[in-house]
Structures are given as structure tokens and as C-alpha cells.
Amino acid sequence: MRLPDRVTGLFLVGLGAAAAYGGWRLPPVPGQPVGPNVFPLVIGTGLALCGLAIAFGIGRSFEEEEHLIPVEGGQPPPPTGKFYGLRALLPPALLLFYVAVADRLGFIITAALIVFVTSTALGARWKLSLPLAALAPIAIHLIFSKLLRVPLPAGLLPMPW
């Protein structure tokens, strides 16, 4: 286990614990089963659990990982691939795209396009990108719209439920 991984994991545990504590201290909204206190509590708990997994190397074998990356002359090979340098611009470009068209197209269509572009840019094949782009926005819409009662833009494709 490398020290930077342990430090990063413990930092995430502290950040998650702070978020969960902050969510726990928020007062619930009367008459709503899920109020503003639930989201930071759930996210903070999940972040703390992921931080523990990183800090203690759960699910990873760091000894085997060194053999997977060919190192020549003490330096790993530079990353390659089409549009590799432009990947850093993808998150802000997709955020601007969402802000610009979400009201017109709606959350489902906009999120589906964002998920498809992101997954293909990260190297996923079409067989995975298309179902992910179709199912993830609907699941997110159901969670936020129905469970958390957050209004999302309907746009061209209003959901019947």
C-alpha cells in the first residue's frame, strides 16, 4: 500500500464524515419523508466508505498493478489516443452544453447525450454506451424527481409518471 493512496483515502473519509455530520445536523422538513438532510448524509456516508476502501486497498492488488504498466527508463509511456489532450476540456464543455440546452431539450435528452459522449470519450464501446445513455438519465430522473422532489426540466420529452 502506497502512502499517497492511504492519505487520499483518509482525506476522503474525513470529508465524507464532515458531509454526513452536516447532513445529520440539518433539520428535516415537516411533512416530507426525504428532506434536505438526507442527500448530504447519504453522499457523505458513501464517500467515507469509498475512502476506507481506498485507504486500506480493498478490492485492489497494488503488487500486481506494477507489472501492468510497462516502465522504460524509469518513466511510464506517455498516454496516447485520439483526442487525448482534449479530454480535459470535456467536463466544462458538457456543463456548458447542459446549461445551454437543458431547458429546451429537457433533462432526459440532455443527460442521455452527456452520458453517451462521456462514456465513449472514456473508451466504452457502443454496446455499453447506448444502454447506459438510455437508462442512467431515467434512473436519475426518477430518483431526483420522485424521491427527492427536485424539479427537472421536461423539455421535449415529458415523463408520463
N, C-alpha and C. Protein backbone atom coordinates (compact mmCIF):
# COMPACT_ATOMS: atom_id res chain seq x y z
N MET A 1 0.86 -1.18 0.00
CA MET A 1 0.00 0.00 0.00
C MET A 1 0.90 1.23 0.00
N ARG A 2 0.65 2.11 -0.94
CA ARG A 2 1.45 3.33 -1.05
C ARG A 2 0.89 4.40 -0.12
N LEU A 3 1.77 5.24 0.40
CA LEU A 3 1.38 6.30 1.33
C LEU A 3 0.40 7.30 0.70
N PRO A 4 0.59 7.76 -0.56
CA PRO A 4 -0.38 8.70 -1.13
C PRO A 4 -1.79 8.13 -1.21
N ASP A 5 -1.91 6.84 -1.47
CA ASP A 5 -3.24 6.23 -1.51
C ASP A 5 -3.89 6.23 -0.14
N ARG A 6 -3.10 5.93 0.86
CA ARG A 6 -3.63 5.92 2.23
C ARG A 6 -4.04 7.33 2.67
N VAL A 7 -3.21 8.32 2.34
CA VAL A 7 -3.52 9.71 2.72
C VAL A 7 -4.78 10.18 1.99
N THR A 8 -4.87 9.88 0.70
CA THR A 8 -6.06 10.26 -0.08
C THR A 8 -7.30 9.61 0.49
N GLY A 9 -7.21 8.32 0.80
CA GLY A 9 -8.35 7.61 1.36
C GLY A 9 -8.79 8.19 2.70
N LEU A 10 -7.84 8.50 3.55
CA LEU A 10 -8.18 9.07 4.85
C LEU A 10 -8.74 10.48 4.72
N PHE A 11 -8.26 11.25 3.73
CA PHE A 11 -8.83 12.56 3.48
C PHE A 11 -10.29 12.43 3.05
N LEU A 12 -10.57 11.46 2.17
CA LEU A 12 -11.95 11.24 1.73
C LEU A 12 -12.84 10.77 2.88
N VAL A 13 -12.29 9.99 3.79
CA VAL A 13 -13.06 9.57 4.97
C VAL A 13 -13.43 10.79 5.80
N GLY A 14 -12.45 11.68 6.03
CA GLY A 14 -12.74 12.89 6.80
C GLY A 14 -13.75 13.80 6.12
N LEU A 15 -13.60 13.96 4.80
CA LEU A 15 -14.54 14.79 4.05
C LEU A 15 -15.94 14.20 4.07
N GLY A 16 -16.01 12.89 3.88
CA GLY A 16 -17.32 12.22 3.92
C GLY A 16 -17.95 12.28 5.29
N ALA A 17 -17.14 12.12 6.33
CA ALA A 17 -17.68 12.21 7.69
C ALA A 17 -18.18 13.62 7.99
N ALA A 18 -17.47 14.64 7.50
CA ALA A 18 -17.92 16.02 7.71
C ALA A 18 -19.24 16.27 6.97
N ALA A 19 -19.36 15.77 5.74
CA ALA A 19 -20.60 15.96 4.99
C ALA A 19 -21.75 15.20 5.65
N ALA A 20 -21.49 13.98 6.10
CA ALA A 20 -22.54 13.20 6.76
C ALA A 20 -22.96 13.87 8.07
N TYR A 21 -22.02 14.39 8.82
CA TYR A 21 -22.34 15.08 10.06
C TYR A 21 -23.16 16.34 9.78
N GLY A 22 -22.77 17.08 8.74
CA GLY A 22 -23.52 18.27 8.37
C GLY A 22 -24.94 17.93 7.95
N GLY A 23 -25.12 16.85 7.20
CA GLY A 23 -26.46 16.42 6.82
C GLY A 23 -27.27 15.94 8.00
N TRP A 24 -26.61 15.29 8.94
CA TRP A 24 -27.29 14.79 10.12
C TRP A 24 -27.79 15.95 10.99
N ARG A 25 -27.05 17.06 10.99
CA ARG A 25 -27.43 18.21 11.82
C ARG A 25 -28.51 19.08 11.19
N LEU A 26 -28.76 18.94 9.89
CA LEU A 26 -29.82 19.73 9.25
C LEU A 26 -31.18 19.27 9.74
N PRO A 27 -32.09 20.18 9.99
CA PRO A 27 -33.42 19.77 10.45
C PRO A 27 -34.23 19.21 9.28
N PRO A 28 -35.01 18.16 9.50
CA PRO A 28 -35.87 17.63 8.43
C PRO A 28 -37.03 18.59 8.16
N VAL A 29 -37.56 18.51 6.96
CA VAL A 29 -38.70 19.33 6.58
C VAL A 29 -39.97 18.62 7.04
N PRO A 30 -40.83 19.28 7.80
CA PRO A 30 -42.05 18.62 8.26
C PRO A 30 -42.94 18.23 7.08
N GLY A 31 -43.43 17.02 7.13
CA GLY A 31 -44.34 16.53 6.10
C GLY A 31 -43.66 15.89 4.91
N GLN A 32 -42.35 15.91 4.84
CA GLN A 32 -41.62 15.27 3.75
C GLN A 32 -40.77 14.14 4.31
N PRO A 33 -40.91 12.95 3.73
CA PRO A 33 -40.12 11.83 4.25
C PRO A 33 -38.63 11.99 3.95
N VAL A 34 -38.31 12.64 2.84
CA VAL A 34 -36.92 12.85 2.47
C VAL A 34 -36.70 14.35 2.36
N GLY A 35 -35.94 14.90 3.28
CA GLY A 35 -35.71 16.33 3.29
C GLY A 35 -34.30 16.68 2.84
N PRO A 36 -33.89 17.91 3.06
CA PRO A 36 -32.56 18.34 2.62
C PRO A 36 -31.43 17.71 3.43
N ASN A 37 -31.75 17.06 4.52
CA ASN A 37 -30.71 16.44 5.33
C ASN A 37 -30.27 15.08 4.80
N VAL A 38 -31.08 14.45 3.97
CA VAL A 38 -30.78 13.08 3.54
C VAL A 38 -29.66 13.05 2.51
N PHE A 39 -29.66 13.98 1.55
CA PHE A 39 -28.68 13.93 0.47
C PHE A 39 -27.25 14.04 0.99
N PRO A 40 -26.88 15.05 1.80
CA PRO A 40 -25.50 15.09 2.29
C PRO A 40 -25.17 13.91 3.21
N LEU A 41 -26.15 13.40 3.92
CA LEU A 41 -25.91 12.25 4.79
C LEU A 41 -25.56 11.01 3.96
N VAL A 42 -26.31 10.76 2.90
CA VAL A 42 -26.05 9.59 2.04
C VAL A 42 -24.74 9.75 1.27
N ILE A 43 -24.54 10.93 0.68
CA ILE A 43 -23.32 11.15 -0.09
C ILE A 43 -22.09 11.10 0.83
N GLY A 44 -22.18 11.70 2.00
CA GLY A 44 -21.05 11.68 2.93
C GLY A 44 -20.71 10.29 3.41
N THR A 45 -21.75 9.49 3.69
CA THR A 45 -21.51 8.11 4.11
C THR A 45 -20.86 7.31 3.00
N GLY A 46 -21.37 7.47 1.77
CA GLY A 46 -20.79 6.77 0.63
C GLY A 46 -19.35 7.19 0.37
N LEU A 47 -19.07 8.48 0.50
CA LEU A 47 -17.71 8.98 0.30
C LEU A 47 -16.77 8.43 1.37
N ALA A 48 -17.24 8.38 2.61
CA ALA A 48 -16.41 7.83 3.69
C ALA A 48 -16.13 6.34 3.45
N LEU A 49 -17.13 5.60 2.99
CA LEU A 49 -16.92 4.17 2.71
C LEU A 49 -15.94 3.97 1.55
N CYS A 50 -16.05 4.79 0.51
CA CYS A 50 -15.10 4.70 -0.60
C CYS A 50 -13.70 5.09 -0.15
N GLY A 51 -13.61 6.10 0.73
CA GLY A 51 -12.31 6.48 1.27
C GLY A 51 -11.67 5.37 2.08
N LEU A 52 -12.48 4.64 2.85
CA LEU A 52 -11.95 3.49 3.59
C LEU A 52 -11.45 2.41 2.64
N ALA A 53 -12.19 2.19 1.55
CA ALA A 53 -11.76 1.18 0.57
C ALA A 53 -10.44 1.58 -0.07
N ILE A 54 -10.27 2.87 -0.35
CA ILE A 54 -9.01 3.33 -0.95
C ILE A 54 -7.88 3.26 0.07
N ALA A 55 -8.15 3.69 1.30
CA ALA A 55 -7.10 3.74 2.32
C ALA A 55 -6.56 2.36 2.66
N PHE A 56 -7.43 1.36 2.65
CA PHE A 56 -6.98 0.02 3.03
C PHE A 56 -6.83 -0.92 1.84
N GLY A 57 -6.95 -0.38 0.62
CA GLY A 57 -6.69 -1.17 -0.57
C GLY A 57 -7.68 -2.29 -0.81
N ILE A 58 -8.92 -2.11 -0.40
CA ILE A 58 -9.92 -3.15 -0.58
C ILE A 58 -10.27 -3.25 -2.06
N GLY A 59 -10.16 -4.44 -2.60
CA GLY A 59 -10.52 -4.68 -3.99
C GLY A 59 -9.41 -4.41 -4.98
N ARG A 60 -8.22 -4.06 -4.52
CA ARG A 60 -7.11 -3.77 -5.42
C ARG A 60 -5.88 -4.53 -4.98
N SER A 61 -5.09 -4.91 -5.94
CA SER A 61 -3.83 -5.57 -5.66
C SER A 61 -2.72 -4.69 -6.21
N PHE A 62 -2.11 -3.90 -5.34
CA PHE A 62 -1.10 -2.95 -5.78
C PHE A 62 0.19 -3.64 -6.22
N GLU A 63 0.45 -4.82 -5.69
CA GLU A 63 1.65 -5.52 -6.10
C GLU A 63 1.55 -5.95 -7.55
N GLU A 64 0.37 -6.39 -7.98
CA GLU A 64 0.19 -6.83 -9.36
C GLU A 64 0.09 -5.64 -10.30
N GLU A 65 -0.29 -4.50 -9.81
CA GLU A 65 -0.50 -3.33 -10.65
C GLU A 65 0.79 -2.84 -11.28
N GLU A 66 1.91 -2.98 -10.60
CA GLU A 66 3.18 -2.50 -11.13
C GLU A 66 3.58 -3.26 -12.39
N HIS A 67 3.17 -4.51 -12.52
CA HIS A 67 3.53 -5.29 -13.70
C HIS A 67 2.66 -4.94 -14.90
N LEU A 68 1.54 -4.29 -14.69
CA LEU A 68 0.63 -3.97 -15.78
C LEU A 68 1.07 -2.73 -16.56
N ILE A 69 1.86 -1.86 -15.94
CA ILE A 69 2.29 -0.62 -16.59
C ILE A 69 3.75 -0.80 -17.00
N PRO A 70 4.01 -0.88 -18.31
CA PRO A 70 5.40 -1.04 -18.73
C PRO A 70 6.18 0.25 -18.49
N VAL A 71 7.29 0.14 -17.80
CA VAL A 71 8.12 1.30 -17.49
C VAL A 71 9.46 1.12 -18.17
N GLU A 72 9.84 2.10 -18.99
CA GLU A 72 11.13 2.07 -19.68
C GLU A 72 11.94 3.27 -19.23
N GLY A 73 13.10 3.03 -18.71
CA GLY A 73 13.96 4.12 -18.29
C GLY A 73 13.43 4.87 -17.08
N GLY A 74 12.61 4.24 -16.26
CA GLY A 74 12.09 4.88 -15.07
C GLY A 74 10.85 5.73 -15.29
N GLN A 75 10.41 5.88 -16.53
CA GLN A 75 9.22 6.69 -16.82
C GLN A 75 8.18 5.85 -17.54
N PRO A 76 6.91 5.95 -17.16
CA PRO A 76 5.86 5.24 -17.91
C PRO A 76 5.69 5.89 -19.28
N PRO A 77 5.17 5.13 -20.24
CA PRO A 77 4.98 5.71 -21.57
C PRO A 77 3.93 6.81 -21.53
N PRO A 78 4.05 7.80 -22.40
CA PRO A 78 3.06 8.88 -22.40
C PRO A 78 1.71 8.36 -22.87
N PRO A 79 0.62 8.92 -22.35
CA PRO A 79 -0.70 8.48 -22.78
C PRO A 79 -0.91 8.82 -24.26
N THR A 80 -1.58 7.92 -24.93
CA THR A 80 -1.84 8.13 -26.35
C THR A 80 -3.32 7.95 -26.62
N GLY A 81 -3.69 8.20 -27.84
CA GLY A 81 -5.07 8.01 -28.24
C GLY A 81 -5.60 9.25 -28.92
N LYS A 82 -6.63 9.05 -29.70
CA LYS A 82 -7.25 10.15 -30.41
C LYS A 82 -7.95 11.07 -29.41
N PHE A 83 -7.76 12.34 -29.54
CA PHE A 83 -8.36 13.37 -28.69
C PHE A 83 -7.92 13.27 -27.24
N TYR A 84 -6.76 12.67 -26.95
CA TYR A 84 -6.36 12.52 -25.56
C TYR A 84 -6.20 13.87 -24.88
N GLY A 85 -5.55 14.82 -25.53
CA GLY A 85 -5.32 16.12 -24.93
C GLY A 85 -6.59 16.92 -24.71
N LEU A 86 -7.63 16.64 -25.48
CA LEU A 86 -8.88 17.38 -25.36
C LEU A 86 -9.80 16.84 -24.27
N ARG A 87 -9.46 15.72 -23.66
CA ARG A 87 -10.33 15.15 -22.63
C ARG A 87 -10.47 16.06 -21.42
N ALA A 88 -9.47 16.87 -21.16
CA ALA A 88 -9.55 17.79 -20.02
C ALA A 88 -10.62 18.84 -20.25
N LEU A 89 -10.93 19.14 -21.49
CA LEU A 89 -11.95 20.15 -21.79
C LEU A 89 -13.36 19.56 -21.79
N LEU A 90 -13.48 18.26 -21.71
CA LEU A 90 -14.80 17.62 -21.80
C LEU A 90 -15.74 18.00 -20.65
N PRO A 91 -15.35 17.93 -19.38
CA PRO A 91 -16.31 18.29 -18.31
C PRO A 91 -16.84 19.72 -18.39
N PRO A 92 -15.98 20.74 -18.57
CA PRO A 92 -16.58 22.08 -18.67
C PRO A 92 -17.41 22.26 -19.93
N ALA A 93 -17.02 21.62 -21.03
CA ALA A 93 -17.82 21.73 -22.26
C ALA A 93 -19.19 21.08 -22.08
N LEU A 94 -19.24 19.94 -21.42
CA LEU A 94 -20.53 19.28 -21.19
C LEU A 94 -21.38 20.05 -20.19
N LEU A 95 -20.75 20.68 -19.21
CA LEU A 95 -21.51 21.51 -18.28
C LEU A 95 -22.13 22.71 -18.99
N LEU A 96 -21.37 23.35 -19.86
CA LEU A 96 -21.91 24.46 -20.64
C LEU A 96 -23.02 23.99 -21.57
N PHE A 97 -22.85 22.80 -22.15
CA PHE A 97 -23.89 22.23 -23.00
C PHE A 97 -25.17 22.01 -22.21
N TYR A 98 -25.05 21.46 -21.00
CA TYR A 98 -26.23 21.23 -20.17
C TYR A 98 -26.94 22.53 -19.83
N VAL A 99 -26.17 23.54 -19.44
CA VAL A 99 -26.76 24.83 -19.09
C VAL A 99 -27.47 25.45 -20.30
N ALA A 100 -26.88 25.29 -21.48
CA ALA A 100 -27.43 25.93 -22.67
C ALA A 100 -28.69 25.26 -23.19
N VAL A 101 -28.78 23.93 -23.11
CA VAL A 101 -29.89 23.25 -23.79
C VAL A 101 -30.82 22.47 -22.90
N ALA A 102 -30.58 22.40 -21.61
CA ALA A 102 -31.42 21.55 -20.74
C ALA A 102 -32.86 22.03 -20.70
N ASP A 103 -33.08 23.33 -20.69
CA ASP A 103 -34.45 23.83 -20.65
C ASP A 103 -35.21 23.54 -21.94
N ARG A 104 -34.52 23.58 -23.07
CA ARG A 104 -35.18 23.34 -24.35
C ARG A 104 -35.38 21.85 -24.62
N LEU A 105 -34.31 21.07 -24.44
CA LEU A 105 -34.40 19.64 -24.74
C LEU A 105 -34.97 18.84 -23.58
N GLY A 106 -34.77 19.29 -22.38
CA GLY A 106 -35.21 18.56 -21.20
C GLY A 106 -34.07 17.78 -20.58
N PHE A 107 -34.29 17.35 -19.35
CA PHE A 107 -33.24 16.66 -18.61
C PHE A 107 -32.90 15.31 -19.23
N ILE A 108 -33.90 14.54 -19.62
CA ILE A 108 -33.66 13.18 -20.12
C ILE A 108 -32.78 13.19 -21.36
N ILE A 109 -33.15 13.99 -22.35
CA ILE A 109 -32.40 14.01 -23.61
C ILE A 109 -31.00 14.58 -23.39
N THR A 110 -30.91 15.68 -22.64
CA THR A 110 -29.61 16.30 -22.39
C THR A 110 -28.69 15.36 -21.62
N ALA A 111 -29.21 14.73 -20.58
CA ALA A 111 -28.39 13.81 -19.79
C ALA A 111 -27.99 12.59 -20.60
N ALA A 112 -28.87 12.11 -21.46
CA ALA A 112 -28.53 10.96 -22.30
C ALA A 112 -27.38 11.30 -23.24
N LEU A 113 -27.42 12.48 -23.83
CA LEU A 113 -26.32 12.91 -24.70
C LEU A 113 -25.01 13.05 -23.93
N ILE A 114 -25.10 13.62 -22.72
CA ILE A 114 -23.89 13.79 -21.91
C ILE A 114 -23.31 12.45 -21.50
N VAL A 115 -24.16 11.52 -21.07
CA VAL A 115 -23.67 10.19 -20.67
C VAL A 115 -23.05 9.47 -21.85
N PHE A 116 -23.68 9.56 -23.02
CA PHE A 116 -23.14 8.88 -24.21
C PHE A 116 -21.79 9.47 -24.61
N VAL A 117 -21.68 10.78 -24.65
CA VAL A 117 -20.42 11.42 -25.03
C VAL A 117 -19.33 11.10 -24.02
N THR A 118 -19.66 11.16 -22.74
CA THR A 118 -18.66 10.89 -21.70
C THR A 118 -18.19 9.44 -21.75
N SER A 119 -19.12 8.51 -21.87
CA SER A 119 -18.73 7.10 -21.86
C SER A 119 -17.91 6.74 -23.10
N THR A 120 -18.27 7.27 -24.26
CA THR A 120 -17.47 6.96 -25.45
C THR A 120 -16.11 7.66 -25.40
N ALA A 121 -16.06 8.85 -24.81
CA ALA A 121 -14.76 9.54 -24.69
C ALA A 121 -13.83 8.81 -23.73
N LEU A 122 -14.40 8.12 -22.75
CA LEU A 122 -13.58 7.35 -21.82
C LEU A 122 -13.23 5.96 -22.34
N GLY A 123 -13.69 5.65 -23.54
CA GLY A 123 -13.29 4.39 -24.17
C GLY A 123 -14.31 3.28 -24.15
N ALA A 124 -15.52 3.53 -23.70
CA ALA A 124 -16.54 2.48 -23.68
C ALA A 124 -17.02 2.21 -25.11
N ARG A 125 -17.40 0.99 -25.35
CA ARG A 125 -17.93 0.62 -26.68
C ARG A 125 -19.39 1.01 -26.77
N TRP A 126 -19.88 1.05 -28.00
CA TRP A 126 -21.27 1.45 -28.26
C TRP A 126 -22.25 0.52 -27.56
N LYS A 127 -21.90 -0.76 -27.44
CA LYS A 127 -22.80 -1.73 -26.81
C LYS A 127 -23.04 -1.39 -25.33
N LEU A 128 -22.10 -0.72 -24.71
CA LEU A 128 -22.27 -0.28 -23.33
C LEU A 128 -22.78 1.16 -23.26
N SER A 129 -22.31 2.01 -24.15
CA SER A 129 -22.67 3.43 -24.10
C SER A 129 -24.15 3.68 -24.37
N LEU A 130 -24.72 2.99 -25.33
CA LEU A 130 -26.13 3.23 -25.67
C LEU A 130 -27.09 2.84 -24.55
N PRO A 131 -27.00 1.62 -23.98
CA PRO A 131 -27.89 1.30 -22.87
C PRO A 131 -27.66 2.19 -21.64
N LEU A 132 -26.40 2.54 -21.40
CA LEU A 132 -26.10 3.41 -20.27
C LEU A 132 -26.71 4.79 -20.49
N ALA A 133 -26.62 5.30 -21.72
CA ALA A 133 -27.18 6.61 -22.03
C ALA A 133 -28.70 6.58 -21.99
N ALA A 134 -29.30 5.43 -22.21
CA ALA A 134 -30.76 5.33 -22.17
C ALA A 134 -31.29 5.15 -20.75
N LEU A 135 -30.60 4.36 -19.94
CA LEU A 135 -31.12 4.00 -18.62
C LEU A 135 -30.69 4.96 -17.50
N ALA A 136 -29.47 5.45 -17.54
CA ALA A 136 -28.97 6.29 -16.45
C ALA A 136 -29.79 7.58 -16.28
N PRO A 137 -30.10 8.33 -17.34
CA PRO A 137 -30.89 9.55 -17.13
C PRO A 137 -32.29 9.28 -16.59
N ILE A 138 -32.91 8.17 -17.01
CA ILE A 138 -34.24 7.85 -16.49
C ILE A 138 -34.17 7.50 -15.00
N ALA A 139 -33.15 6.74 -14.62
CA ALA A 139 -32.98 6.40 -13.20
C ALA A 139 -32.71 7.65 -12.37
N ILE A 140 -31.84 8.52 -12.87
CA ILE A 140 -31.54 9.76 -12.16
C ILE A 140 -32.79 10.63 -12.07
N HIS A 141 -33.56 10.68 -13.15
CA HIS A 141 -34.79 11.47 -13.16
C HIS A 141 -35.78 10.95 -12.11
N LEU A 142 -35.92 9.63 -12.03
CA LEU A 142 -36.83 9.06 -11.04
C LEU A 142 -36.38 9.35 -9.61
N ILE A 143 -35.08 9.24 -9.37
CA ILE A 143 -34.57 9.48 -8.02
C ILE A 143 -34.77 10.94 -7.62
N PHE A 144 -34.35 11.86 -8.49
CA PHE A 144 -34.41 13.26 -8.12
C PHE A 144 -35.84 13.81 -8.20
N SER A 145 -36.59 13.42 -9.22
CA SER A 145 -37.92 13.99 -9.41
C SER A 145 -38.94 13.37 -8.45
N LYS A 146 -38.92 12.08 -8.30
CA LYS A 146 -39.94 11.41 -7.49
C LYS A 146 -39.54 11.25 -6.03
N LEU A 147 -38.31 10.82 -5.78
CA LEU A 147 -37.90 10.56 -4.41
C LEU A 147 -37.53 11.86 -3.68
N LEU A 148 -36.69 12.67 -4.32
CA LEU A 148 -36.22 13.90 -3.68
C LEU A 148 -37.07 15.11 -4.02
N ARG A 149 -37.98 14.96 -4.97
CA ARG A 149 -38.90 16.03 -5.40
C ARG A 149 -38.18 17.28 -5.88
N VAL A 150 -37.12 17.06 -6.65
CA VAL A 150 -36.38 18.16 -7.27
C VAL A 150 -36.94 18.35 -8.67
N PRO A 151 -37.43 19.53 -9.00
CA PRO A 151 -37.97 19.73 -10.34
C PRO A 151 -36.87 19.75 -11.39
N LEU A 152 -37.04 18.93 -12.41
CA LEU A 152 -36.09 18.86 -13.52
C LEU A 152 -36.78 19.34 -14.78
N PRO A 153 -36.07 19.96 -15.70
CA PRO A 153 -36.71 20.45 -16.93
C PRO A 153 -37.27 19.30 -17.77
N ALA A 154 -38.53 19.45 -18.21
CA ALA A 154 -39.19 18.40 -19.01
C ALA A 154 -38.79 18.50 -20.46
N GLY A 155 -38.79 19.68 -21.03
CA GLY A 155 -38.36 19.87 -22.42
C GLY A 155 -39.23 19.13 -23.42
N LEU A 156 -38.60 18.50 -24.39
CA LEU A 156 -39.31 17.82 -25.47
C LEU A 156 -39.91 16.48 -25.07
N LEU A 157 -39.41 15.90 -23.99
CA LEU A 157 -39.81 14.54 -23.61
C LEU A 157 -40.32 14.52 -22.17
N PRO A 158 -41.56 14.99 -21.93
CA PRO A 158 -42.06 14.92 -20.55
C PRO A 158 -42.35 13.48 -20.15
N MET A 159 -41.96 13.14 -18.95
CA MET A 159 -42.16 11.78 -18.46
C MET A 159 -43.61 11.59 -18.00
N PRO A 160 -44.25 10.50 -18.40
CA PRO A 160 -45.66 10.30 -18.04
C PRO A 160 -45.88 10.01 -16.57
N TRP A 161 -44.86 9.57 -15.87
CA TRP A 161 -45.07 9.23 -14.46
C TRP A 161 -44.95 10.46 -13.60
